[in-house]
C-alpha atoms as a PDB file:
ATOM      1  CA  MET A   1     -28.757 -16.789 -29.342  1.00  0.00           C
ATOM      2  CA  ASN A   2     -30.286 -13.390 -28.667  1.00  0.00           C
ATOM      3  CA  ILE A   3     -28.312 -13.109 -25.426  1.00  0.00           C
ATOM      4  CA  LEU A   4     -25.135 -12.781 -27.513  1.00  0.00           C
ATOM      5  CA  LEU A   5     -26.480  -9.500 -28.849  1.00  0.00           C
ATOM      6  CA  VAL A   6     -26.330  -8.193 -25.275  1.00  0.00           C
ATOM      7  CA  LEU A   7     -23.272  -9.977 -23.912  1.00  0.00           C
ATOM      8  CA  ILE A   8     -20.826  -9.033 -26.684  1.00  0.00           C
ATOM      9  CA  PRO A   9     -21.320  -5.240 -26.371  1.00  0.00           C
ATOM     10  CA  VAL A  10     -21.335  -5.429 -22.567  1.00  0.00           C
ATOM     11  CA  THR A  11     -18.088  -7.434 -22.627  1.00  0.00           C
ATOM     12  CA  LEU A  12     -16.480  -4.963 -25.023  1.00  0.00           C
ATOM     13  CA  LEU A  13     -17.563  -2.102 -22.777  1.00  0.00           C
ATOM     14  CA  ILE A  14     -16.006  -3.774 -19.714  1.00  0.00           C
ATOM     15  CA  VAL A  15     -12.752  -4.478 -21.592  1.00  0.00           C
ATOM     16  CA  LEU A  16     -12.544  -0.873 -22.810  1.00  0.00           C
ATOM     17  CA  LEU A  17     -13.175   0.373 -19.273  1.00  0.00           C
ATOM     18  CA  ALA A  18     -10.426  -1.894 -17.871  1.00  0.00           C
ATOM     19  CA  VAL A  19      -7.940  -0.718 -20.523  1.00  0.00           C
ATOM     20  CA  ALA A  20      -8.820   2.923 -19.847  1.00  0.00           C
ATOM     21  CA  LEU A  21      -8.347   2.447 -16.078  1.00  0.00           C
ATOM     22  CA  PHE A  22      -4.997   0.729 -16.651  1.00  0.00           C
ATOM     23  CA  PHE A  23      -3.691   3.590 -18.785  1.00  0.00           C
ATOM     24  CA  TRP A  24      -5.021   6.132 -16.268  1.00  0.00           C
ATOM     25  CA  ALA A  25      -3.088   4.362 -13.502  1.00  0.00           C
ATOM     26  CA  VAL A  26       0.094   4.296 -15.587  1.00  0.00           C
ATOM     27  CA  ASN A  27      -0.214   8.000 -16.440  1.00  0.00           C
ATOM     28  CA  HIS A  28      -0.729   8.909 -12.760  1.00  0.00           C
ATOM     29  CA  GLN A  29       2.457   7.061 -11.629  1.00  0.00           C
ATOM     30  CA  GLN A  30       0.602   4.334  -9.721  1.00  0.00           C
ATOM     31  CA  PHE A  31       3.203   1.720 -10.713  1.00  0.00           C
ATOM     32  CA  ASP A  32       6.397   3.753 -10.231  1.00  0.00           C
ATOM     33  CA  ASP A  33       7.430   2.550  -6.756  1.00  0.00           C
ATOM     34  CA  MET A  34       6.717  -1.140  -6.361  1.00  0.00           C
ATOM     35  CA  ASP A  35       9.356  -1.868  -3.666  1.00  0.00           C
ATOM     36  CA  SER A  36       8.651   0.593  -0.837  1.00  0.00           C
ATOM     37  CA  PRO A  37       5.108  -0.560   0.072  1.00  0.00           C
ATOM     38  CA  ALA A  38       6.394  -4.108   0.612  1.00  0.00           C
ATOM     39  CA  VAL A  39       9.180  -2.916   2.941  1.00  0.00           C
ATOM     40  CA  LEU A  40       7.192  -0.367   4.992  1.00  0.00           C
ATOM     41  CA  PRO A  41       5.707  -2.895   7.468  1.00  0.00           C
ATOM     42  CA  LEU A  42       9.210  -4.211   8.200  1.00  0.00           C
ATOM     43  CA  MET A  43      10.715  -0.835   9.051  1.00  0.00           C
ATOM     44  CA  ASP A  44      11.169   0.148  12.701  1.00  0.00           C
ATOM     45  CA  ASP A  45       9.005   2.918  14.078  1.00  0.00           C
ATOM     46  CA  GLU A  46      10.466   5.978  15.733  1.00  0.00           C
ATOM     47  CA  PRO A  47      10.237   6.050  19.533  1.00  0.00           C
ATOM     48  CA  LYS A  48       6.912   7.584  20.550  1.00  0.00           C
ATOM     49  CA  SER A  49       8.040   9.265  23.767  1.00  0.00           C
ATOM     50  CA  ALA A  50      11.305  10.988  24.503  1.00  0.00           C
ATOM     51  CA  ASN A  51      12.872  12.744  27.479  1.00  0.00           C
ATOM     52  CA  PRO A  52      13.514  16.493  27.272  1.00  0.00           C
ATOM     53  CA  ASP A  53      17.149  15.765  26.436  1.00  0.00           C
ATOM     54  CA  GLY A  54      16.069  13.838  23.323  1.00  0.00           C
ATOM     55  CA  LYS A  55      16.839  10.324  24.573  1.00  0.00           C
ATOM     56  CA  ALA A  56      14.174   7.653  24.358  1.00  0.00           C
ATOM     57  CA  GLU A  57      12.725   6.361  27.601  1.00  0.00           C
ATOM     58  CA  ASN A  58      13.557   2.826  28.635  1.00  0.00           C
ATOM     59  CA  HIS A  59      10.417   0.971  29.704  1.00  0.00           C
ATOM     60  CA  SER A  60      12.121  -2.342  30.450  1.00  0.00           C
ATOM     61  CA  PRO A  61      12.118  -3.600  34.039  1.00  0.00           C
ATOM     62  CA  PRO A  62      15.284  -3.027  36.051  1.00  0.00           C
ATOM     63  CA  GLU A  63      17.824  -5.829  36.065  1.00  0.00           C
ATOM     64  CA  LYS A  64      18.081  -7.901  39.230  1.00  0.00           C
ATOM     65  CA  HIS A  65      21.561  -8.706  40.458  1.00  0.00           C
ATOM     66  CA  PRO A  66      22.082 -11.694  42.778  1.00  0.00           C
END
């Protein structure tokens, strides 16, 4: 029974800390943009190398004609 004298205050402290962290995150706009992070991996990257005229280089093998 004596363990309850320790566990109840520790639990209340953890709950208060979690509530404080939640409100800190809301006040610092951590939940404003929930759609962009999910779409970022699906977006195409820009070409890494370009010719001096601004066109991207084609690294595919040349086509063979019979």
